[in-house]
Amino acid sequence: MRTRHLSRIFSGVRQLGRGPSLFALVLTSVLFCMPLGAQSGGSPSPTANEPVALESHKSNAPTGTVESRPVDLRVNKTLVLINVTVTDPLNRFVTGLEKEHFRLFEDKVEQEITQFSSEDAPISIGLVFDTSGSMGPKLQKSRQAASEFFKTANPSDEFFLVQFNDRPDLAVSFTTDTDKIQSALTFTQSRGRTALLDAVYLAMHEMKKAHNPRKAILIISDGGDNSSRYTETEIKNAVREADVQIFAIGIFESAANRGRTPEEAAGPGLLNELAEQTGGREYAVENVAELPDIAAKIGIELRNEYILGYTPKNRERDGKYRRVQVKLNQPRGLPPLKAYYRLGYYAPTQ
């Protein structure tokens, strides 16, 4: 089990900035006695639903070490961490890449990648589950989707459940026991309207209690919002400031269905934008029978991410939004690959 090495990257780290952002980390008053970083672990064998692994002959150990210093040394440095998923043209996850296969830019200025990991580190995950009236015929398959997703969990992962209809409800707080969440889902009933935005806000608030450095939210819903107090703009801004990846399974009626409400018609765009901003992905589903397979795929994706760390060349602590871009140095012999990653972060302010 490759679960502990990544935590070294976060040793002595505290978060600063406009929000609780993992992607703007400041190291302060740290006595370093060992290299910072982690080595890459092995990769699973490829199947139709599993990652495509490249044979690796190199260690992912850090390129340098940090010397030990006197106790009164103050280190004032921003470490930015970006989660990256790589896929091939068949949408299979590609593992086994090395640091030299990546180039990273901040506001169009190339940065030096100083930390690199491809380990399956523990994750804190919030399930945001739609129980509104329109979910009635889709609830059973949605429960099965959650069950398949939990099958990809590791023992060190933790989860919580937010259910929502007219209003969101924290049904199960953080736990490592997925049976508690599945038991709660068993008794859900569909009724009421859809307060999706309020549910996302509640989930991000609950995520502040997470114990793991990696955080993600999985939304299972069938349409847009029609009952929230928070606006799209407020939630989109909050998502940009948070350190949470958002994945979404949108169960939508066919575009040819004239009975769709304006909120339902806007649902795919809303979920896709929330996911894209955070480096996650949105999967649109018309056939509910596909739900369990897609949920399992998202679980596998979370287990096959690369983490790139760098110290920004822009040292200004202005609290401004910095745009990030990841480019791939195409490995020989492989078809064109695509990278998914968070689009930016807010710089610290002090």
Protein backbone atom coordinates (compact mmCIF):
# COMPACT_ATOMS: atom_id res chain seq x y z
CA MET A 1 0.00 0.00 0.00
CA ARG A 2 1.50 3.29 -1.12
CA THR A 3 -0.13 5.68 1.31
CA ARG A 4 2.41 7.44 3.54
CA HIS A 5 5.22 8.96 1.47
CA LEU A 6 3.30 11.96 0.14
CA SER A 7 2.63 13.19 3.68
CA ARG A 8 6.32 14.20 3.88
CA ILE A 9 5.69 16.96 1.40
CA PHE A 10 3.23 18.50 3.85
CA SER A 11 5.47 18.22 6.94
CA GLY A 12 5.68 21.57 8.72
CA VAL A 13 3.33 23.20 6.26
CA ARG A 14 0.56 25.60 7.19
CA GLN A 15 -1.91 27.14 4.80
CA LEU A 16 -2.23 30.83 4.08
CA GLY A 17 -4.01 32.96 1.50
CA ARG A 18 -7.52 34.07 0.70
CA GLY A 19 -8.97 30.66 1.39
CA PRO A 20 -7.85 27.32 2.82
CA SER A 21 -5.87 26.61 -0.34
CA LEU A 22 -3.66 23.56 -0.63
CA PHE A 23 -2.16 25.13 -3.71
CA ALA A 24 -0.63 28.11 -1.89
CA LEU A 25 1.40 26.63 0.94
CA VAL A 26 3.92 28.53 3.06
CA LEU A 27 6.72 26.84 4.98
CA THR A 28 7.65 28.78 8.11
CA SER A 29 10.08 28.11 10.96
CA VAL A 30 10.86 24.58 9.83
CA LEU A 31 13.95 22.58 10.80
CA PHE A 32 14.64 20.25 7.88
CA CYS A 33 16.52 17.03 8.64
CA MET A 34 15.59 15.04 5.55
CA PRO A 35 14.78 15.53 1.85
CA LEU A 36 11.35 16.86 1.02
CA GLY A 37 9.39 14.74 -1.41
CA ALA A 38 8.31 11.20 -2.14
CA GLN A 39 9.18 8.33 -4.35
CA SER A 40 6.85 6.95 -6.93
CA GLY A 41 5.30 3.58 -6.32
CA GLY A 42 4.32 0.84 -8.75
CA SER A 43 1.54 0.94 -11.29
CA PRO A 44 -1.37 -1.43 -11.89
CA SER A 45 -1.58 -3.60 -14.97
CA PRO A 46 -3.70 -2.10 -17.75
CA THR A 47 -7.16 -3.38 -18.53
CA ALA A 48 -10.09 -1.76 -20.27
CA ASN A 49 -11.02 0.07 -17.05
CA GLU A 50 -7.61 0.43 -15.42
CA PRO A 51 -4.63 2.73 -15.98
CA VAL A 52 -2.16 2.26 -18.80
CA ALA A 53 1.24 2.04 -17.12
CA LEU A 54 4.58 3.03 -18.58
CA GLU A 55 7.55 0.96 -17.46
CA SER A 56 9.64 3.16 -15.21
CA HIS A 57 13.41 2.69 -14.67
CA LYS A 58 13.97 5.76 -12.54
CA SER A 59 13.27 6.74 -9.00
CA ASN A 60 11.01 9.69 -8.35
CA ALA A 61 13.17 10.79 -5.45
CA PRO A 62 13.71 14.55 -5.19
CA THR A 63 16.52 15.96 -7.27
CA GLY A 64 18.17 17.59 -4.25
CA THR A 65 18.14 17.61 -0.49
CA VAL A 66 17.55 20.39 1.99
CA GLU A 67 20.44 20.80 4.41
CA SER A 68 19.78 20.85 8.13
CA ARG A 69 20.06 24.34 9.62
CA PRO A 70 20.27 25.94 13.05
CA VAL A 71 17.04 25.88 15.01
CA ASP A 72 16.50 29.63 14.66
CA LEU A 73 16.41 29.49 10.84
CA ARG A 74 13.21 30.91 9.33
CA VAL A 75 12.17 29.54 5.95
CA ASN A 76 9.64 31.71 4.18
CA LYS A 77 8.74 29.97 0.97
CA THR A 78 5.55 29.25 -0.96
CA LEU A 79 5.12 25.68 -2.20
CA VAL A 80 2.39 25.19 -4.79
CA LEU A 81 1.05 21.67 -5.38
CA ILE A 82 -0.94 20.74 -8.48
CA ASN A 83 -2.76 17.41 -8.97
CA VAL A 84 -2.58 16.15 -12.56
CA THR A 85 -4.38 13.26 -14.27
CA VAL A 86 -3.12 12.04 -17.66
CA THR A 87 -5.24 10.07 -20.13
CA ASP A 88 -4.75 8.52 -23.56
CA PRO A 89 -7.15 8.89 -26.55
CA LEU A 90 -9.24 6.00 -25.19
CA ASN A 91 -9.68 7.94 -21.94
CA ARG A 92 -7.57 5.44 -19.98
CA PHE A 93 -5.36 6.75 -17.20
CA VAL A 94 -1.64 6.78 -17.93
CA THR A 95 0.72 6.01 -15.06
CA GLY A 96 4.48 5.63 -14.92
CA LEU A 97 5.37 9.07 -16.26
CA GLU A 98 8.42 10.82 -14.81
CA LYS A 99 9.01 14.42 -13.80
CA GLU A 100 10.71 15.18 -17.12
CA HIS A 101 7.46 14.42 -18.94
CA PHE A 102 5.84 17.54 -17.41
CA ARG A 103 6.28 21.28 -17.90
CA LEU A 104 4.49 23.71 -15.60
CA PHE A 105 3.66 27.39 -16.12
CA GLU A 106 2.26 30.08 -13.84
CA ASP A 107 0.82 33.12 -15.62
CA LYS A 108 2.71 31.93 -18.75
CA VAL A 109 6.07 31.87 -16.93
CA GLU A 110 7.65 28.40 -16.79
CA GLN A 111 8.35 27.13 -13.28
CA GLU A 112 10.85 24.60 -11.96
CA ILE A 113 9.15 21.43 -10.71
CA THR A 114 10.90 20.73 -7.42
CA GLN A 115 8.55 18.08 -6.01
CA PHE A 116 7.10 15.12 -7.89
CA SER A 117 4.95 12.23 -6.73
CA SER A 118 2.66 9.67 -8.30
CA GLU A 119 1.58 7.90 -5.15
CA ASP A 120 -1.85 6.82 -3.98
CA ALA A 121 -1.90 9.04 -0.90
CA PRO A 122 -4.89 9.09 1.52
CA ILE A 123 -7.83 11.23 0.43
CA SER A 124 -10.65 13.02 2.25
CA ILE A 125 -13.80 12.77 0.12
CA GLY A 126 -17.24 14.30 0.44
CA LEU A 127 -20.19 12.65 -1.34
CA VAL A 128 -22.84 15.20 -2.34
CA PHE A 129 -25.96 13.17 -3.12
CA ASP A 130 -29.13 14.52 -4.76
CA THR A 131 -32.40 13.33 -3.18
CA SER A 132 -34.74 15.84 -4.87
CA GLY A 133 -38.09 14.75 -6.27
CA SER A 134 -36.83 14.20 -9.81
CA MET A 135 -34.29 11.63 -8.57
CA GLY A 136 -37.01 9.08 -7.69
CA PRO A 137 -36.48 6.56 -10.52
CA LYS A 138 -32.70 7.13 -10.42
CA LEU A 139 -32.08 6.65 -6.70
CA GLN A 140 -31.35 2.92 -6.79
CA LYS A 141 -28.70 3.19 -9.51
CA SER A 142 -27.25 6.24 -7.77
CA ARG A 143 -26.86 4.21 -4.57
CA GLN A 144 -25.12 1.50 -6.57
CA ALA A 145 -22.81 4.14 -8.05
CA ALA A 146 -21.83 5.25 -4.54
CA SER A 147 -21.20 1.64 -3.57
CA GLU A 148 -18.88 1.08 -6.54
CA PHE A 149 -17.03 4.28 -5.75
CA PHE A 150 -16.41 3.19 -2.16
CA LYS A 151 -14.93 -0.09 -3.39
CA THR A 152 -11.92 1.90 -4.66
CA ALA A 153 -11.25 3.35 -1.19
CA ASN A 154 -8.12 2.76 0.87
CA PRO A 155 -8.14 2.16 4.65
CA SER A 156 -6.68 5.61 5.34
CA ASP A 157 -9.34 7.45 3.32
CA GLU A 158 -12.15 9.29 5.08
CA PHE A 159 -15.59 10.25 3.83
CA PHE A 160 -18.65 12.32 4.66
CA LEU A 161 -22.14 12.48 3.15
CA VAL A 162 -24.18 15.58 2.25
CA GLN A 163 -27.70 14.85 1.01
CA PHE A 164 -29.80 17.61 -0.49
CA ASN A 165 -33.24 18.43 -1.84
CA ASP A 166 -34.86 21.72 -0.75
CA ARG A 167 -31.89 22.19 1.57
CA PRO A 168 -28.59 20.39 2.21
CA ASP A 169 -28.07 18.12 5.20
CA LEU A 170 -24.83 16.71 6.60
CA ALA A 171 -26.13 13.16 6.95
CA VAL A 172 -22.81 11.56 7.97
CA SER A 173 -19.76 13.49 9.18
CA PHE A 174 -16.19 12.35 8.48
CA THR A 175 -15.72 8.61 8.92
CA THR A 176 -13.51 5.84 7.60
CA ASP A 177 -16.46 3.45 7.75
CA THR A 178 -18.14 3.56 4.34
CA ASP A 179 -20.88 1.24 5.60
CA LYS A 180 -22.26 4.15 7.65
CA ILE A 181 -22.71 6.22 4.50
CA GLN A 182 -24.20 3.37 2.50
CA SER A 183 -26.62 2.65 5.34
CA ALA A 184 -27.73 6.28 5.34
CA LEU A 185 -28.23 6.18 1.56
CA THR A 186 -30.41 3.08 1.89
CA PHE A 187 -33.13 5.09 3.64
CA THR A 188 -33.07 8.15 1.38
CA GLN A 189 -36.33 9.22 -0.22
CA SER A 190 -36.73 11.59 -3.14
CA ARG A 191 -38.76 14.74 -2.62
CA GLY A 192 -38.60 18.49 -2.98
CA ARG A 193 -36.52 20.83 -5.08
CA THR A 194 -32.77 20.99 -5.80
CA ALA A 195 -30.43 23.09 -3.62
CA LEU A 196 -27.25 21.96 -5.36
CA LEU A 197 -25.20 25.12 -4.80
CA ASP A 198 -26.00 25.19 -1.08
CA ALA A 199 -24.97 21.53 -0.87
CA VAL A 200 -21.60 22.24 -2.51
CA TYR A 201 -21.04 25.11 -0.08
CA LEU A 202 -21.84 22.88 2.90
CA ALA A 203 -19.49 20.20 1.60
CA MET A 204 -16.62 22.67 1.19
CA HIS A 205 -17.25 23.94 4.71
CA GLU A 206 -17.18 20.39 6.11
CA MET A 207 -13.98 19.70 4.17
CA LYS A 208 -12.14 22.16 6.43
CA LYS A 209 -12.19 19.37 9.05
CA ALA A 210 -10.36 16.94 6.75
CA HIS A 211 -7.30 15.10 8.08
CA ASN A 212 -5.73 14.22 4.70
CA PRO A 213 -3.86 16.67 2.45
CA ARG A 214 -5.71 15.49 -0.67
CA LYS A 215 -9.38 16.42 -0.82
CA ALA A 216 -12.17 15.75 -3.30
CA ILE A 217 -15.94 16.10 -3.64
CA LEU A 218 -18.10 13.75 -5.71
CA ILE A 219 -21.49 15.14 -6.79
CA ILE A 220 -24.26 12.81 -7.97
CA SER A 221 -27.18 14.87 -9.26
CA ASP A 222 -29.71 15.01 -12.08
CA GLY A 223 -29.87 18.68 -12.90
CA GLY A 224 -29.31 22.32 -12.15
CA ASP A 225 -30.16 24.33 -9.06
CA ASN A 226 -33.59 25.77 -8.26
CA SER A 227 -33.61 26.16 -4.47
CA SER A 228 -30.31 27.59 -3.18
CA ARG A 229 -29.54 30.73 -1.21
CA TYR A 230 -26.03 30.92 -2.65
CA THR A 231 -25.59 32.08 -6.23
CA GLU A 232 -23.55 30.46 -8.99
CA THR A 233 -21.04 33.29 -8.84
CA GLU A 234 -20.53 32.90 -5.09
CA ILE A 235 -19.96 29.15 -5.36
CA LYS A 236 -17.68 29.42 -8.37
CA ASN A 237 -15.54 31.97 -6.52
CA ALA A 238 -15.46 29.75 -3.43
CA VAL A 239 -14.43 26.75 -5.52
CA ARG A 240 -11.56 28.68 -7.06
CA GLU A 241 -10.25 29.50 -3.59
CA ALA A 242 -10.66 26.02 -2.11
CA ASP A 243 -8.16 23.17 -2.13
CA VAL A 244 -10.76 20.60 -3.23
CA GLN A 245 -11.10 18.72 -6.51
CA ILE A 246 -14.69 18.36 -7.67
CA PHE A 247 -15.94 15.39 -9.68
CA ALA A 248 -19.53 15.22 -10.84
CA ILE A 249 -21.86 12.61 -12.28
CA GLY A 250 -24.69 14.47 -13.98
CA ILE A 251 -27.76 12.33 -14.69
CA PHE A 252 -29.42 14.38 -17.40
CA GLU A 253 -32.46 14.03 -19.58
CA SER A 254 -31.74 13.92 -23.28
CA ALA A 255 -31.23 17.34 -24.89
CA ALA A 256 -34.14 16.46 -27.19
CA ASN A 257 -36.49 16.28 -24.23
CA ARG A 258 -38.58 19.44 -24.41
CA GLY A 259 -39.86 18.91 -20.88
CA ARG A 260 -36.56 19.96 -19.31
CA THR A 261 -36.74 23.01 -17.08
CA PRO A 262 -34.25 25.89 -17.58
CA GLU A 263 -32.42 24.73 -14.43
CA GLU A 264 -32.09 21.20 -15.82
CA ALA A 265 -30.86 22.57 -19.14
CA ALA A 266 -28.18 24.57 -17.30
CA GLY A 267 -27.13 21.62 -15.14
CA PRO A 268 -24.43 20.14 -17.42
CA GLY A 269 -22.69 23.47 -17.87
CA LEU A 270 -22.76 24.25 -14.14
CA LEU A 271 -21.31 20.91 -13.05
CA ASN A 272 -18.69 20.94 -15.80
CA GLU A 273 -17.47 24.41 -14.86
CA LEU A 274 -17.22 23.57 -11.16
CA ALA A 275 -15.24 20.43 -11.97
CA GLU A 276 -12.97 22.02 -14.57
CA GLN A 277 -11.89 24.85 -12.27
CA THR A 278 -10.63 22.37 -9.68
CA GLY A 279 -8.89 19.83 -11.92
CA GLY A 280 -11.72 17.31 -11.60
CA ARG A 281 -14.12 16.14 -14.29
CA GLU A 282 -17.82 15.97 -14.99
CA TYR A 283 -19.41 12.88 -16.52
CA ALA A 284 -22.77 13.39 -18.21
CA VAL A 285 -25.03 10.33 -18.07
CA GLU A 286 -28.29 9.67 -19.89
CA ASN A 287 -28.46 5.93 -19.22
CA VAL A 288 -28.59 5.35 -15.45
CA ALA A 289 -27.26 1.82 -15.94
CA GLU A 290 -23.85 3.44 -16.61
CA LEU A 291 -23.70 5.08 -13.16
CA PRO A 292 -21.84 2.35 -11.22
CA ASP A 293 -19.11 2.00 -13.87
CA ILE A 294 -18.55 5.75 -14.05
CA ALA A 295 -18.37 6.08 -10.27
CA ALA A 296 -15.75 3.32 -10.16
CA LYS A 297 -13.81 5.10 -12.90
CA ILE A 298 -13.71 8.31 -10.86
CA GLY A 299 -12.41 6.33 -7.90
CA ILE A 300 -9.62 4.90 -10.06
CA GLU A 301 -8.80 8.38 -11.39
CA LEU A 302 -8.29 9.68 -7.86
CA ARG A 303 -5.80 6.82 -7.29
CA ASN A 304 -3.75 7.66 -10.38
CA GLU A 305 -2.85 11.32 -10.08
CA TYR A 306 0.54 12.96 -10.34
CA ILE A 307 1.38 15.74 -7.91
CA LEU A 308 3.69 18.51 -9.10
CA GLY A 309 5.20 20.96 -6.61
CA TYR A 310 7.00 24.22 -7.30
CA THR A 311 8.05 27.48 -5.67
CA PRO A 312 6.60 30.34 -7.76
CA LYS A 313 9.05 32.74 -9.37
CA ASN A 314 6.51 35.46 -8.60
CA ARG A 315 7.17 36.06 -4.88
CA GLU A 316 4.51 38.78 -4.45
CA ARG A 317 2.05 38.09 -1.63
CA ASP A 318 -0.78 39.99 -3.24
CA GLY A 319 -3.65 37.52 -2.86
CA LYS A 320 -4.23 37.56 -6.62
CA TYR A 321 -5.38 34.63 -8.71
CA ARG A 322 -2.50 32.90 -10.53
CA ARG A 323 -3.31 30.87 -13.63
CA VAL A 324 -1.58 27.51 -13.96
CA GLN A 325 -0.90 25.50 -17.11
CA VAL A 326 0.57 21.99 -17.36
CA LYS A 327 2.10 20.78 -20.62
CA LEU A 328 3.25 17.27 -21.42
CA ASN A 329 6.51 16.25 -23.05
CA GLN A 330 5.05 13.49 -25.18
CA PRO A 331 6.73 10.13 -24.46
CA ARG A 332 7.95 8.30 -27.55
CA GLY A 333 5.79 5.52 -28.85
CA LEU A 334 2.59 6.70 -27.19
CA PRO A 335 -0.47 8.33 -28.79
CA PRO A 336 -1.24 11.96 -27.86
CA LEU A 337 -1.88 12.29 -24.13
CA LYS A 338 -4.08 14.81 -22.31
CA ALA A 339 -3.56 16.36 -18.88
CA TYR A 340 -6.30 17.43 -16.46
CA TYR A 341 -5.32 19.79 -13.65
CA ARG A 342 -6.45 22.67 -11.49
CA LEU A 343 -6.51 25.90 -13.50
CA GLY A 344 -5.04 28.18 -10.82
CA TYR A 345 -4.81 29.25 -7.19
CA TYR A 346 -4.85 32.39 -5.05
CA ALA A 347 -1.49 33.66 -3.86
CA PRO A 348 -0.99 34.13 -0.11
CA THR A 349 -1.44 37.59 1.35
CA GLN A 350 1.13 37.56 4.15
